[in-house]
Amino acid sequence: MDDKAEIFEKHYIQYCAQIDETDMNAAAEILGIRKEGARLRVPFYGREYLVGQGAISDESGARPDYITCVILAKYILRCPGRIHHDPAWVSFKDFKKESSFTNVNFFASDVERAVAGRFSGRLSDLERACQ
């Protein structure tokens, strides 16, 4: 295993351990997602993933790619302590706990391009996905 793969695996294991210490009932309620046993069922881009019990998997039980695991893990781990509804948009760079994933260049190249490519000319589909 190369150094890059080793660090990804290390982070994956750390995220899963942190998720297992999370109050899953509170996270499910605040995020508006379903709890299934000791795991959370998280919808993401038209697919559902199971998060918890030391793993992140798709419905077939397979581990998703690394970036999908990071996004799902951070979604659960950064769940606010209370339900917060504010109709105003917040810039990605203003999110709390800034990290390399909130870097503007990374966001533009790896996130904006993917979203724009998938939803170009399909605004109503983007709105549904965001909801």
C-alpha atoms as a PDB file:
ATOM      1  CA  MET A   1       0.000   0.000   0.000  1.00  0.00           C
ATOM      2  CA  ASP A   2       1.463   3.373  -0.920  1.00  0.00           C
ATOM      3  CA  ASP A   3       1.638   6.329   1.497  1.00  0.00           C
ATOM      4  CA  LYS A   4      -1.385   8.020  -0.084  1.00  0.00           C
ATOM      5  CA  ALA A   5      -3.556   4.902   0.290  1.00  0.00           C
ATOM      6  CA  GLU A   6      -2.354   4.415   3.866  1.00  0.00           C
ATOM      7  CA  ILE A   7      -3.326   7.938   4.917  1.00  0.00           C
ATOM      8  CA  PHE A   8      -6.741   7.590   3.264  1.00  0.00           C
ATOM      9  CA  GLU A   9      -7.342   4.347   5.136  1.00  0.00           C
ATOM     10  CA  LYS A  10      -6.173   5.931   8.396  1.00  0.00           C
ATOM     11  CA  HIS A  11      -8.583   8.844   7.932  1.00  0.00           C
ATOM     12  CA  TYR A  12     -11.447   6.507   7.001  1.00  0.00           C
ATOM     13  CA  ILE A  13     -10.918   4.480  10.187  1.00  0.00           C
ATOM     14  CA  GLN A  14     -10.740   7.666  12.292  1.00  0.00           C
ATOM     15  CA  TYR A  15     -13.927   9.053  10.746  1.00  0.00           C
ATOM     16  CA  CYS A  16     -15.788   5.802  11.349  1.00  0.00           C
ATOM     17  CA  ALA A  17     -14.656   5.708  14.988  1.00  0.00           C
ATOM     18  CA  GLN A  18     -15.767   9.327  15.507  1.00  0.00           C
ATOM     19  CA  ILE A  19     -19.129   8.609  13.870  1.00  0.00           C
ATOM     20  CA  ASP A  20     -19.691   5.673  16.202  1.00  0.00           C
ATOM     21  CA  GLU A  21     -19.325   8.079  19.155  1.00  0.00           C
ATOM     22  CA  THR A  22     -21.977  10.406  17.676  1.00  0.00           C
ATOM     23  CA  ASP A  23     -25.510  10.592  19.044  1.00  0.00           C
ATOM     24  CA  MET A  24     -27.195   8.936  16.051  1.00  0.00           C
ATOM     25  CA  ASN A  25     -30.723   9.735  17.256  1.00  0.00           C
ATOM     26  CA  ALA A  26     -29.945  13.461  17.485  1.00  0.00           C
ATOM     27  CA  ALA A  27     -28.115  13.465  14.148  1.00  0.00           C
ATOM     28  CA  ALA A  28     -31.021  11.716  12.421  1.00  0.00           C
ATOM     29  CA  GLU A  29     -33.512  14.220  13.796  1.00  0.00           C
ATOM     30  CA  ILE A  30     -31.427  17.319  13.102  1.00  0.00           C
ATOM     31  CA  LEU A  31     -30.363  16.250   9.615  1.00  0.00           C
ATOM     32  CA  GLY A  32     -33.765  14.838   8.685  1.00  0.00           C
ATOM     33  CA  ILE A  33     -32.433  11.388   7.794  1.00  0.00           C
ATOM     34  CA  ARG A  34     -33.495   7.899   8.806  1.00  0.00           C
ATOM     35  CA  LYS A  35     -31.848   5.815  11.487  1.00  0.00           C
ATOM     36  CA  GLU A  36     -31.588   2.097  10.763  1.00  0.00           C
ATOM     37  CA  GLY A  37     -30.511   0.198  13.844  1.00  0.00           C
ATOM     38  CA  ALA A  38     -27.206   1.750  14.919  1.00  0.00           C
ATOM     39  CA  ARG A  39     -26.571   3.299  11.497  1.00  0.00           C
ATOM     40  CA  LEU A  40     -27.828   6.293   9.575  1.00  0.00           C
ATOM     41  CA  ARG A  41     -29.260   5.991   6.062  1.00  0.00           C
ATOM     42  CA  VAL A  42     -27.945   9.033   4.199  1.00  0.00           C
ATOM     43  CA  PRO A  43     -29.252   9.993   0.745  1.00  0.00           C
ATOM     44  CA  PHE A  44     -26.572  11.471  -1.498  1.00  0.00           C
ATOM     45  CA  TYR A  45     -26.897  12.184  -5.234  1.00  0.00           C
ATOM     46  CA  GLY A  46     -29.748   9.757  -5.792  1.00  0.00           C
ATOM     47  CA  ARG A  47     -28.158   6.886  -3.848  1.00  0.00           C
ATOM     48  CA  GLU A  48     -28.403   5.890  -0.225  1.00  0.00           C
ATOM     49  CA  TYR A  49     -25.494   5.068   2.048  1.00  0.00           C
ATOM     50  CA  LEU A  50     -25.344   3.462   5.472  1.00  0.00           C
ATOM     51  CA  VAL A  51     -23.088   5.231   7.949  1.00  0.00           C
ATOM     52  CA  GLY A  52     -22.123   3.804  11.337  1.00  0.00           C
ATOM     53  CA  GLN A  53     -20.974   0.654  13.107  1.00  0.00           C
ATOM     54  CA  GLY A  54     -17.408   1.197  11.936  1.00  0.00           C
ATOM     55  CA  ALA A  55     -18.201   1.535   8.244  1.00  0.00           C
ATOM     56  CA  ILE A  56     -19.610   3.612   5.430  1.00  0.00           C
ATOM     57  CA  SER A  57     -21.239   1.570   2.687  1.00  0.00           C
ATOM     58  CA  ASP A  58     -23.667   1.692  -0.174  1.00  0.00           C
ATOM     59  CA  GLU A  59     -26.796  -0.444  -0.114  1.00  0.00           C
ATOM     60  CA  SER A  60     -24.900  -3.449  -1.501  1.00  0.00           C
ATOM     61  CA  GLY A  61     -22.433  -3.247   1.394  1.00  0.00           C
ATOM     62  CA  ALA A  62     -19.544  -1.915  -0.719  1.00  0.00           C
ATOM     63  CA  ARG A  63     -17.431   0.974   0.520  1.00  0.00           C
ATOM     64  CA  PRO A  64     -17.843   4.060  -1.689  1.00  0.00           C
ATOM     65  CA  ASP A  65     -14.855   5.936  -3.076  1.00  0.00           C
ATOM     66  CA  TYR A  66     -12.775   7.929  -0.618  1.00  0.00           C
ATOM     67  CA  ILE A  67     -14.184  11.381  -1.341  1.00  0.00           C
ATOM     68  CA  THR A  68     -17.764  10.123  -0.937  1.00  0.00           C
ATOM     69  CA  CYS A  69     -16.756   8.617   2.419  1.00  0.00           C
ATOM     70  CA  VAL A  70     -15.239  11.943   3.492  1.00  0.00           C
ATOM     71  CA  ILE A  71     -18.329  13.908   2.461  1.00  0.00           C
ATOM     72  CA  LEU A  72     -20.698  11.522   4.265  1.00  0.00           C
ATOM     73  CA  ALA A  73     -18.491  11.389   7.358  1.00  0.00           C
ATOM     74  CA  LYS A  74     -18.135  15.156   7.576  1.00  0.00           C
ATOM     75  CA  TYR A  75     -21.892  15.559   7.035  1.00  0.00           C
ATOM     76  CA  ILE A  76     -22.543  13.463  10.137  1.00  0.00           C
ATOM     77  CA  LEU A  77     -19.606  14.742  12.205  1.00  0.00           C
ATOM     78  CA  ARG A  78     -20.376  18.415  11.564  1.00  0.00           C
ATOM     79  CA  CYS A  79     -24.041  18.041  12.381  1.00  0.00           C
ATOM     80  CA  PRO A  80     -25.029  21.087  14.427  1.00  0.00           C
ATOM     81  CA  GLY A  81     -26.171  20.652  18.014  1.00  0.00           C
ATOM     82  CA  ARG A  82     -29.615  21.988  17.195  1.00  0.00           C
ATOM     83  CA  ILE A  83     -31.962  22.322  14.257  1.00  0.00           C
ATOM     84  CA  HIS A  84     -31.145  25.521  12.435  1.00  0.00           C
ATOM     85  CA  HIS A  85     -33.281  26.855   9.633  1.00  0.00           C
ATOM     86  CA  ASP A  86     -32.045  29.976   7.943  1.00  0.00           C
ATOM     87  CA  PRO A  87     -33.218  30.635   4.391  1.00  0.00           C
ATOM     88  CA  ALA A  88     -30.132  32.769   3.663  1.00  0.00           C
ATOM     89  CA  TRP A  89     -27.361  31.131   1.650  1.00  0.00           C
ATOM     90  CA  VAL A  90     -23.937  30.737   3.257  1.00  0.00           C
ATOM     91  CA  SER A  91     -20.728  30.784   1.270  1.00  0.00           C
ATOM     92  CA  PHE A  92     -18.760  27.527   1.416  1.00  0.00           C
ATOM     93  CA  LYS A  93     -15.683  29.438   2.597  1.00  0.00           C
ATOM     94  CA  ASP A  94     -17.695  30.627   5.617  1.00  0.00           C
ATOM     95  CA  PHE A  95     -18.362  27.105   6.931  1.00  0.00           C
ATOM     96  CA  LYS A  96     -17.000  26.422  10.398  1.00  0.00           C
ATOM     97  CA  LYS A  97     -13.854  24.377  10.968  1.00  0.00           C
ATOM     98  CA  GLU A  98     -12.098  25.333   7.758  1.00  0.00           C
ATOM     99  CA  SER A  99      -9.920  22.577   6.309  1.00  0.00           C
ATOM    100  CA  SER A 100      -8.283  21.679   3.016  1.00  0.00           C
ATOM    101  CA  PHE A 101     -11.744  20.717   1.739  1.00  0.00           C
ATOM    102  CA  THR A 102     -12.925  24.320   2.209  1.00  0.00           C
ATOM    103  CA  ASN A 103     -10.049  25.623   0.112  1.00  0.00           C
ATOM    104  CA  VAL A 104     -11.602  27.750  -2.658  1.00  0.00           C
ATOM    105  CA  ASN A 105      -9.407  26.250  -5.407  1.00  0.00           C
ATOM    106  CA  PHE A 106     -10.205  22.687  -4.322  1.00  0.00           C
ATOM    107  CA  PHE A 107     -13.903  23.527  -4.119  1.00  0.00           C
ATOM    108  CA  ALA A 108     -13.968  25.078  -7.600  1.00  0.00           C
ATOM    109  CA  SER A 109     -12.056  22.266  -9.293  1.00  0.00           C
ATOM    110  CA  ASP A 110     -13.487  19.249  -7.482  1.00  0.00           C
ATOM    111  CA  VAL A 111     -16.963  20.275  -6.364  1.00  0.00           C
ATOM    112  CA  GLU A 112     -18.349  23.084  -8.516  1.00  0.00           C
ATOM    113  CA  ARG A 113     -17.252  21.404 -11.737  1.00  0.00           C
ATOM    114  CA  ALA A 114     -18.859  18.087 -10.726  1.00  0.00           C
ATOM    115  CA  VAL A 115     -22.149  19.728  -9.723  1.00  0.00           C
ATOM    116  CA  ALA A 116     -22.230  21.940 -12.815  1.00  0.00           C
ATOM    117  CA  GLY A 117     -21.519  18.977 -15.076  1.00  0.00           C
ATOM    118  CA  ARG A 118     -24.205  16.820 -13.542  1.00  0.00           C
ATOM    119  CA  PHE A 119     -26.931  19.477 -13.340  1.00  0.00           C
ATOM    120  CA  SER A 120     -26.177  21.735 -16.308  1.00  0.00           C
ATOM    121  CA  GLY A 121     -29.509  22.798 -17.819  1.00  0.00           C
ATOM    122  CA  ARG A 122     -31.435  20.939 -15.095  1.00  0.00           C
ATOM    123  CA  LEU A 123     -32.112  23.552 -12.423  1.00  0.00           C
ATOM    124  CA  SER A 124     -35.237  21.840 -11.058  1.00  0.00           C
ATOM    125  CA  ASP A 125     -33.259  18.585 -10.594  1.00  0.00           C
ATOM    126  CA  LEU A 126     -30.561  20.519  -8.705  1.00  0.00           C
ATOM    127  CA  GLU A 127     -33.177  22.119  -6.469  1.00  0.00           C
ATOM    128  CA  ARG A 128     -34.660  18.677  -5.663  1.00  0.00           C
ATOM    129  CA  ALA A 129     -31.212  17.246  -4.925  1.00  0.00           C
ATOM    130  CA  CYS A 130     -30.452  20.152  -2.594  1.00  0.00           C
ATOM    131  CA  GLN A 131     -33.671  19.628  -0.688  1.00  0.00           C
END
